[in-house]
Amino acid sequence: MSFDPRHPQPQAPDTRARGTRNRAIAIGVSAAVVAGLVTFGSYLLLENSEANDKNEKSDGTAAAQDGKHPGGHGDSQGDHAGGTIDGLKSWDAAKLGRNHVAGAVDYPMRPPVGGDHNQTWMNCDGDVYEKALPDVNAVHSLEHGAVWVTYNGKAADADVAELAERVRRTPFTLMSPYAEQEGTIVLSAWGKQVTVDSADDKRVDQFLTQYVQGAQTPEPGAPCTGGLAAVPR
């Protein structure tokens, strides 16, 4: 049998070219699958990270609230952010008045930890006063986030000097004598109070760390300057 050169015969398919195309398609599909898996894995990792962050914030808020016990009862738990404060007393901030008044206020605790007060605060930018302060002005300082350090006649001179030095280098604090208090040394913030016997008691640092402009502050961002710089006569 002969072939007519005028009529070319159909060529057999090139198996090598087809194999090359198939490999190219397989590689492309594999790359797309891998890219999809990487993208999905990154999405899951991001979702898990955000969920963990939300849980940590939620746990932190709950821990801070655990240390609040209304009614002025003893609280040995404290706020977790600054560690346990033995003997800490807490009052329900919602029950402490915040009205500005012109006259004296009969506070249920000495020194007071909150309540109605004078419209002018005592300067509390590390201010140390040698004379007793009017409660109504000092309470306004607490409303701004200050810690008020007070002491009576039982406090040793060395302890008073050490506390004064600490207050002077700590913004949003003030210090003054307070003869009517029962404890030797008392640290007060809005709704919070602890009594210690000496300046080197670890609770002094704990209290300052937690409550100087702490979460208990009714007016965060309010100043501790621009008020009364001296005890009014």
C-alpha atoms as a PDB file:
ATOM      1  CA  MET A   1       0.000   0.000   0.000  1.00  0.00           C
ATOM      2  CA  SER A   2       1.357   3.441  -0.985  1.00  0.00           C
ATOM      3  CA  PHE A   3       0.662   6.893   0.331  1.00  0.00           C
ATOM      4  CA  ASP A   4      -0.304   9.744  -1.833  1.00  0.00           C
ATOM      5  CA  PRO A   5       1.966  12.669  -0.910  1.00  0.00           C
ATOM      6  CA  ARG A   6      -0.770  15.051  -1.929  1.00  0.00           C
ATOM      7  CA  HIS A   7      -2.870  13.962   1.001  1.00  0.00           C
ATOM      8  CA  PRO A   8      -0.850  14.057   4.255  1.00  0.00           C
ATOM      9  CA  GLN A   9      -1.841  11.539   6.865  1.00  0.00           C
ATOM     10  CA  PRO A  10      -2.982  12.639  10.459  1.00  0.00           C
ATOM     11  CA  GLN A  11      -0.137  12.748  12.939  1.00  0.00           C
ATOM     12  CA  ALA A  12      -0.211  10.788  16.193  1.00  0.00           C
ATOM     13  CA  PRO A  13      -0.685  13.026  19.293  1.00  0.00           C
ATOM     14  CA  ASP A  14       2.548  14.156  20.938  1.00  0.00           C
ATOM     15  CA  THR A  15       2.488  12.318  24.280  1.00  0.00           C
ATOM     16  CA  ARG A  16       5.443  14.311  25.588  1.00  0.00           C
ATOM     17  CA  ALA A  17       3.693  17.665  25.170  1.00  0.00           C
ATOM     18  CA  ARG A  18       0.562  16.326  26.800  1.00  0.00           C
ATOM     19  CA  GLY A  19       2.596  15.049  29.750  1.00  0.00           C
ATOM     20  CA  THR A  20       4.216  18.443  30.152  1.00  0.00           C
ATOM     21  CA  ARG A  21       0.835  20.169  30.193  1.00  0.00           C
ATOM     22  CA  ASN A  22      -0.494  17.720  32.767  1.00  0.00           C
ATOM     23  CA  ARG A  23       2.477  18.280  35.034  1.00  0.00           C
ATOM     24  CA  ALA A  24       2.079  22.029  34.734  1.00  0.00           C
ATOM     25  CA  ILE A  25      -1.594  21.775  35.629  1.00  0.00           C
ATOM     26  CA  ALA A  26      -0.829  19.501  38.591  1.00  0.00           C
ATOM     27  CA  ILE A  27       1.834  21.883  39.881  1.00  0.00           C
ATOM     28  CA  GLY A  28      -0.532  24.838  39.557  1.00  0.00           C
ATOM     29  CA  VAL A  29      -3.312  23.032  41.409  1.00  0.00           C
ATOM     30  CA  SER A  30      -0.903  21.964  44.182  1.00  0.00           C
ATOM     31  CA  ALA A  31       0.386  25.514  44.593  1.00  0.00           C
ATOM     32  CA  ALA A  32      -3.156  26.847  44.862  1.00  0.00           C
ATOM     33  CA  VAL A  33      -4.025  24.227  47.497  1.00  0.00           C
ATOM     34  CA  VAL A  34      -0.900  25.026  49.524  1.00  0.00           C
ATOM     35  CA  ALA A  35      -1.600  28.774  49.335  1.00  0.00           C
ATOM     36  CA  GLY A  36      -5.169  28.169  50.482  1.00  0.00           C
ATOM     37  CA  LEU A  37      -4.021  26.062  53.416  1.00  0.00           C
ATOM     38  CA  VAL A  38      -1.465  28.708  54.477  1.00  0.00           C
ATOM     39  CA  THR A  39      -4.085  31.463  54.297  1.00  0.00           C
ATOM     40  CA  PHE A  40      -6.619  29.426  56.289  1.00  0.00           C
ATOM     41  CA  GLY A  41      -4.014  28.521  58.913  1.00  0.00           C
ATOM     42  CA  SER A  42      -3.042  32.187  59.322  1.00  0.00           C
ATOM     43  CA  TYR A  43      -6.711  33.101  59.755  1.00  0.00           C
ATOM     44  CA  LEU A  44      -7.187  30.497  62.481  1.00  0.00           C
ATOM     45  CA  LEU A  45      -4.025  31.654  64.262  1.00  0.00           C
ATOM     46  CA  LEU A  46      -5.214  35.272  64.202  1.00  0.00           C
ATOM     47  CA  GLU A  47      -8.669  34.314  65.470  1.00  0.00           C
ATOM     48  CA  ASN A  48      -7.185  32.297  68.358  1.00  0.00           C
ATOM     49  CA  SER A  49      -4.822  35.143  69.275  1.00  0.00           C
ATOM     50  CA  GLU A  50      -7.664  37.686  69.394  1.00  0.00           C
ATOM     51  CA  ALA A  51      -9.796  35.333  71.465  1.00  0.00           C
ATOM     52  CA  ASN A  52      -6.963  34.844  73.963  1.00  0.00           C
ATOM     53  CA  ASP A  53      -6.458  38.615  74.246  1.00  0.00           C
ATOM     54  CA  LYS A  54     -10.170  39.110  74.977  1.00  0.00           C
ATOM     55  CA  ASN A  55     -10.108  36.389  77.618  1.00  0.00           C
ATOM     56  CA  GLU A  56      -7.049  37.891  79.305  1.00  0.00           C
ATOM     57  CA  LYS A  57      -8.672  41.328  79.424  1.00  0.00           C
ATOM     58  CA  SER A  58     -11.872  39.840  80.796  1.00  0.00           C
ATOM     59  CA  ASP A  59      -9.977  37.913  83.463  1.00  0.00           C
ATOM     60  CA  GLY A  60      -8.076  41.051  84.455  1.00  0.00           C
ATOM     61  CA  THR A  61     -11.276  43.040  84.890  1.00  0.00           C
ATOM     62  CA  ALA A  62     -12.845  40.310  87.001  1.00  0.00           C
ATOM     63  CA  ALA A  63      -9.721  40.077  89.142  1.00  0.00           C
ATOM     64  CA  ALA A  64      -9.783  43.804  89.818  1.00  0.00           C
ATOM     65  CA  GLN A  65     -13.444  43.626  90.826  1.00  0.00           C
ATOM     66  CA  ASP A  66     -12.861  40.710  93.191  1.00  0.00           C
ATOM     67  CA  GLY A  67     -10.972  42.979  95.596  1.00  0.00           C
ATOM     68  CA  LYS A  68     -13.932  45.301  96.185  1.00  0.00           C
ATOM     69  CA  HIS A  69     -15.990  44.564  99.270  1.00  0.00           C
ATOM     70  CA  PRO A  70     -18.505  47.283 100.180  1.00  0.00           C
ATOM     71  CA  GLY A  71     -19.324  48.354 103.684  1.00  0.00           C
ATOM     72  CA  GLY A  72     -15.818  49.073 104.938  1.00  0.00           C
ATOM     73  CA  HIS A  73     -15.146  45.467 105.931  1.00  0.00           C
ATOM     74  CA  GLY A  74     -11.647  44.048 106.122  1.00  0.00           C
ATOM     75  CA  ASP A  75     -10.354  42.733 102.820  1.00  0.00           C
ATOM     76  CA  SER A  76      -7.259  40.551 102.737  1.00  0.00           C
ATOM     77  CA  GLN A  77      -7.477  39.965  98.989  1.00  0.00           C
ATOM     78  CA  GLY A  78      -6.736  43.371  97.545  1.00  0.00           C
ATOM     79  CA  ASP A  79      -6.530  43.913  93.794  1.00  0.00           C
ATOM     80  CA  HIS A  80      -4.572  41.316  91.858  1.00  0.00           C
ATOM     81  CA  ALA A  81      -2.789  43.971  89.808  1.00  0.00           C
ATOM     82  CA  GLY A  82      -0.663  45.025  92.780  1.00  0.00           C
ATOM     83  CA  GLY A  83      -0.771  41.895  94.916  1.00  0.00           C
ATOM     84  CA  THR A  84      -2.563  41.113  98.152  1.00  0.00           C
ATOM     85  CA  ILE A  85      -2.902  43.932 100.681  1.00  0.00           C
ATOM     86  CA  ASP A  86      -3.544  42.504 104.131  1.00  0.00           C
ATOM     87  CA  GLY A  87      -6.031  44.478 106.180  1.00  0.00           C
ATOM     88  CA  LEU A  88      -7.327  46.503 103.254  1.00  0.00           C
ATOM     89  CA  LYS A  89     -10.729  48.110 103.899  1.00  0.00           C
ATOM     90  CA  SER A  90     -13.080  48.975 101.065  1.00  0.00           C
ATOM     91  CA  TRP A  91     -16.272  51.002 100.818  1.00  0.00           C
ATOM     92  CA  ASP A  92     -18.882  50.918  98.085  1.00  0.00           C
ATOM     93  CA  ALA A  93     -17.935  53.847  95.856  1.00  0.00           C
ATOM     94  CA  ALA A  94     -21.528  54.166  94.647  1.00  0.00           C
ATOM     95  CA  LYS A  95     -22.611  55.026  98.195  1.00  0.00           C
ATOM     96  CA  LEU A  96     -19.981  57.722  98.721  1.00  0.00           C
ATOM     97  CA  GLY A  97     -21.409  61.162  97.955  1.00  0.00           C
ATOM     98  CA  ARG A  98     -19.626  63.438  95.528  1.00  0.00           C
ATOM     99  CA  ASN A  99     -21.518  66.709  95.941  1.00  0.00           C
ATOM    100  CA  HIS A 100     -19.738  70.024  96.477  1.00  0.00           C
ATOM    101  CA  VAL A 101     -20.695  71.545  99.804  1.00  0.00           C
ATOM    102  CA  ALA A 102     -19.757  74.769 101.562  1.00  0.00           C
ATOM    103  CA  GLY A 103     -19.668  73.565 105.163  1.00  0.00           C
ATOM    104  CA  ALA A 104     -18.294  70.662 107.171  1.00  0.00           C
ATOM    105  CA  VAL A 105     -19.229  67.042 106.493  1.00  0.00           C
ATOM    106  CA  ASP A 106     -19.735  64.362 109.137  1.00  0.00           C
ATOM    107  CA  TYR A 107     -17.764  61.482 107.647  1.00  0.00           C
ATOM    108  CA  PRO A 108     -18.352  57.953 109.000  1.00  0.00           C
ATOM    109  CA  MET A 109     -14.638  57.104 108.989  1.00  0.00           C
ATOM    110  CA  ARG A 110     -11.464  58.907 110.059  1.00  0.00           C
ATOM    111  CA  PRO A 111      -9.661  59.824 107.897  1.00  0.00           C
ATOM    112  CA  PRO A 112     -12.468  59.895 105.340  1.00  0.00           C
ATOM    113  CA  VAL A 113     -12.141  57.918 102.114  1.00  0.00           C
ATOM    114  CA  GLY A 114     -14.810  59.748 100.124  1.00  0.00           C
ATOM    115  CA  GLY A 115     -18.091  61.581 100.312  1.00  0.00           C
ATOM    116  CA  ASP A 116     -19.360  65.106  99.770  1.00  0.00           C
ATOM    117  CA  HIS A 117     -16.562  67.653  99.843  1.00  0.00           C
ATOM    118  CA  ASN A 118     -15.470  71.220  99.263  1.00  0.00           C
ATOM    119  CA  GLN A 119     -15.201  72.433  95.696  1.00  0.00           C
ATOM    120  CA  THR A 120     -11.475  73.161  96.179  1.00  0.00           C
ATOM    121  CA  TRP A 121      -8.993  70.331  96.565  1.00  0.00           C
ATOM    122  CA  MET A 122      -5.714  70.302  98.453  1.00  0.00           C
ATOM    123  CA  ASN A 123      -2.702  70.255  96.180  1.00  0.00           C
ATOM    124  CA  CYS A 124      -1.561  66.649  96.001  1.00  0.00           C
ATOM    125  CA  ASP A 125       1.445  66.671  93.704  1.00  0.00           C
ATOM    126  CA  GLY A 126       3.703  65.105  96.337  1.00  0.00           C
ATOM    127  CA  ASP A 127       2.735  67.758  98.890  1.00  0.00           C
ATOM    128  CA  VAL A 128       3.680  67.284 102.551  1.00  0.00           C
ATOM    129  CA  TYR A 129       1.744  69.410 105.054  1.00  0.00           C
ATOM    130  CA  GLU A 130       2.904  69.936 108.625  1.00  0.00           C
ATOM    131  CA  LYS A 131      -0.568  70.849 109.859  1.00  0.00           C
ATOM    132  CA  ALA A 132      -3.839  68.935 109.796  1.00  0.00           C
ATOM    133  CA  LEU A 133      -5.921  69.415 106.668  1.00  0.00           C
ATOM    134  CA  PRO A 134      -9.646  70.087 106.398  1.00  0.00           C
ATOM    135  CA  ASP A 135     -11.296  66.760 105.568  1.00  0.00           C
ATOM    136  CA  VAL A 136     -13.537  68.359 102.964  1.00  0.00           C
ATOM    137  CA  ASN A 137     -10.570  69.569 100.908  1.00  0.00           C
ATOM    138  CA  ALA A 138      -8.479  66.415 101.251  1.00  0.00           C
ATOM    139  CA  VAL A 139     -11.413  64.244 100.172  1.00  0.00           C
ATOM    140  CA  HIS A 140     -11.612  66.243  96.959  1.00  0.00           C
ATOM    141  CA  SER A 141      -7.970  65.291  96.338  1.00  0.00           C
ATOM    142  CA  LEU A 142      -8.910  61.628  96.714  1.00  0.00           C
ATOM    143  CA  GLU A 143     -11.595  62.140  94.087  1.00  0.00           C
ATOM    144  CA  HIS A 144      -8.819  63.158  91.688  1.00  0.00           C
ATOM    145  CA  GLY A 145      -6.968  59.896  92.287  1.00  0.00           C
ATOM    146  CA  ALA A 146      -4.604  60.932  95.082  1.00  0.00           C
ATOM    147  CA  VAL A 147      -3.447  58.814  98.019  1.00  0.00           C
ATOM    148  CA  TRP A 148      -3.527  60.601 101.371  1.00  0.00           C
ATOM    149  CA  VAL A 149      -0.916  59.513 103.920  1.00  0.00           C
ATOM    150  CA  THR A 150      -1.730  60.464 107.510  1.00  0.00           C
ATOM    151  CA  TYR A 151      -0.143  59.769 110.897  1.00  0.00           C
ATOM    152  CA  ASN A 152      -0.878  60.403 114.565  1.00  0.00           C
ATOM    153  CA  GLY A 153       1.305  61.105 117.620  1.00  0.00           C
ATOM    154  CA  LYS A 154       2.338  57.445 117.913  1.00  0.00           C
ATOM    155  CA  ALA A 155       4.321  57.531 114.664  1.00  0.00           C
ATOM    156  CA  ALA A 156       8.104  57.548 115.068  1.00  0.00           C
ATOM    157  CA  ASP A 157       9.921  60.604 113.761  1.00  0.00           C
ATOM    158  CA  ALA A 158      12.023  58.410 111.469  1.00  0.00           C
ATOM    159  CA  ASP A 159       8.887  56.898 109.953  1.00  0.00           C
ATOM    160  CA  VAL A 160       7.344  60.322 109.381  1.00  0.00           C
ATOM    161  CA  ALA A 161      10.518  61.516 107.665  1.00  0.00           C
ATOM    162  CA  GLU A 162      10.709  58.416 105.482  1.00  0.00           C
ATOM    163  CA  LEU A 163       7.070  58.698 104.452  1.00  0.00           C
ATOM    164  CA  ALA A 164       7.453  62.396 103.706  1.00  0.00           C
ATOM    165  CA  GLU A 165      10.379  61.668 101.404  1.00  0.00           C
ATOM    166  CA  ARG A 166       8.380  58.993  99.617  1.00  0.00           C
ATOM    167  CA  VAL A 167       5.394  61.311  99.172  1.00  0.00           C
ATOM    168  CA  ARG A 168       7.530  64.166  97.841  1.00  0.00           C
ATOM    169  CA  ARG A 169       8.751  62.025  94.973  1.00  0.00           C
ATOM    170  CA  THR A 170       5.313  60.540  94.174  1.00  0.00           C
ATOM    171  CA  PRO A 171       2.841  62.634  92.151  1.00  0.00           C
ATOM    172  CA  PHE A 172      -0.813  62.422  93.190  1.00  0.00           C
ATOM    173  CA  THR A 173      -0.034  61.976  96.883  1.00  0.00           C
ATOM    174  CA  LEU A 174      -0.285  64.209  99.927  1.00  0.00           C
ATOM    175  CA  MET A 175       0.602  63.800 103.594  1.00  0.00           C
ATOM    176  CA  SER A 176      -0.469  65.429 106.839  1.00  0.00           C
ATOM    177  CA  PRO A 177      -0.879  64.712 110.573  1.00  0.00           C
ATOM    178  CA  TYR A 178      -4.261  63.399 111.708  1.00  0.00           C
ATOM    179  CA  ALA A 179      -4.635  63.227 115.489  1.00  0.00           C
ATOM    180  CA  GLU A 180      -8.113  61.675 115.464  1.00  0.00           C
ATOM    181  CA  GLN A 181      -7.206  58.487 113.598  1.00  0.00           C
ATOM    182  CA  GLU A 182      -6.830  55.241 115.531  1.00  0.00           C
ATOM    183  CA  GLY A 183      -4.002  53.714 113.547  1.00  0.00           C
ATOM    184  CA  THR A 184      -0.439  54.991 113.696  1.00  0.00           C
ATOM    185  CA  ILE A 185      -0.131  55.458 109.922  1.00  0.00           C
ATOM    186  CA  VAL A 186      -3.071  55.356 107.520  1.00  0.00           C
ATOM    187  CA  LEU A 187      -3.111  55.409 103.738  1.00  0.00           C
ATOM    188  CA  SER A 188      -6.387  56.431 102.136  1.00  0.00           C
ATOM    189  CA  ALA A 189      -7.689  56.513  98.570  1.00  0.00           C
ATOM    190  CA  TRP A 190     -11.247  56.927  97.304  1.00  0.00           C
ATOM    191  CA  GLY A 191     -13.121  54.034  98.936  1.00  0.00           C
ATOM    192  CA  LYS A 192      -9.890  52.316 100.075  1.00  0.00           C
ATOM    193  CA  GLN A 193      -7.841  52.403 103.272  1.00  0.00           C
ATOM    194  CA  VAL A 194      -5.132  50.484 105.093  1.00  0.00           C
ATOM    195  CA  THR A 195      -3.440  51.007 108.460  1.00  0.00           C
ATOM    196  CA  VAL A 196       0.219  50.226 109.149  1.00  0.00           C
ATOM    197  CA  ASP A 197       2.587  50.736 112.091  1.00  0.00           C
ATOM    198  CA  SER A 198       5.782  51.701 110.263  1.00  0.00           C
ATOM    199  CA  ALA A 199       7.007  53.262 107.041  1.00  0.00           C
ATOM    200  CA  ASP A 200       8.850  50.119 105.958  1.00  0.00           C
ATOM    201  CA  ASP A 201       5.681  47.993 105.946  1.00  0.00           C
ATOM    202  CA  LYS A 202       5.401  46.463 102.455  1.00  0.00           C
ATOM    203  CA  ARG A 203       1.750  47.517 102.285  1.00  0.00           C
ATOM    204  CA  VAL A 204       2.812  51.152 101.908  1.00  0.00           C
ATOM    205  CA  ASP A 205       4.342  50.425  98.504  1.00  0.00           C
ATOM    206  CA  GLN A 206       1.501  48.084  97.576  1.00  0.00           C
ATOM    207  CA  PHE A 207      -1.140  50.685  98.369  1.00  0.00           C
ATOM    208  CA  LEU A 208       0.646  53.462  96.493  1.00  0.00           C
ATOM    209  CA  THR A 209       1.230  51.207  93.490  1.00  0.00           C
ATOM    210  CA  GLN A 210      -2.423  50.204  93.254  1.00  0.00           C
ATOM    211  CA  TYR A 211      -4.267  53.373  94.175  1.00  0.00           C
ATOM    212  CA  VAL A 212      -2.257  56.383  92.999  1.00  0.00           C
ATOM    213  CA  GLN A 213      -4.549  57.307  90.097  1.00  0.00           C
ATOM    214  CA  GLY A 214      -5.880  53.763  90.326  1.00  0.00           C
ATOM    215  CA  ALA A 215      -9.040  52.249  88.933  1.00  0.00           C
ATOM    216  CA  GLN A 216     -10.992  53.541  91.936  1.00  0.00           C
ATOM    217  CA  THR A 217     -10.494  57.185  90.852  1.00  0.00           C
ATOM    218  CA  PRO A 218     -13.883  58.879  90.287  1.00  0.00           C
ATOM    219  CA  GLU A 219     -12.353  61.684  88.180  1.00  0.00           C
ATOM    220  CA  PRO A 220      -9.419  60.258  86.196  1.00  0.00           C
ATOM    221  CA  GLY A 221      -7.368  62.965  84.536  1.00  0.00           C
ATOM    222  CA  ALA A 222      -8.292  65.658  87.084  1.00  0.00           C
ATOM    223  CA  PRO A 223      -5.271  67.680  88.321  1.00  0.00           C
ATOM    224  CA  CYS A 224      -3.542  67.605  91.683  1.00  0.00           C
ATOM    225  CA  THR A 225      -2.276  71.166  91.294  1.00  0.00           C
ATOM    226  CA  GLY A 226      -4.159  74.432  91.166  1.00  0.00           C
ATOM    227  CA  GLY A 227      -5.960  73.837  94.474  1.00  0.00           C
ATOM    228  CA  LEU A 228      -5.075  74.911  97.984  1.00  0.00           C
ATOM    229  CA  ALA A 229      -1.319  75.032  98.546  1.00  0.00           C
ATOM    230  CA  ALA A 230      -1.553  75.744 102.284  1.00  0.00           C
ATOM    231  CA  VAL A 231      -3.854  74.833 105.126  1.00  0.00           C
ATOM    232  CA  PRO A 232      -6.648  77.446 105.294  1.00  0.00           C
ATOM    233  CA  ARG A 233      -6.929  79.372 108.558  1.00  0.00           C
END
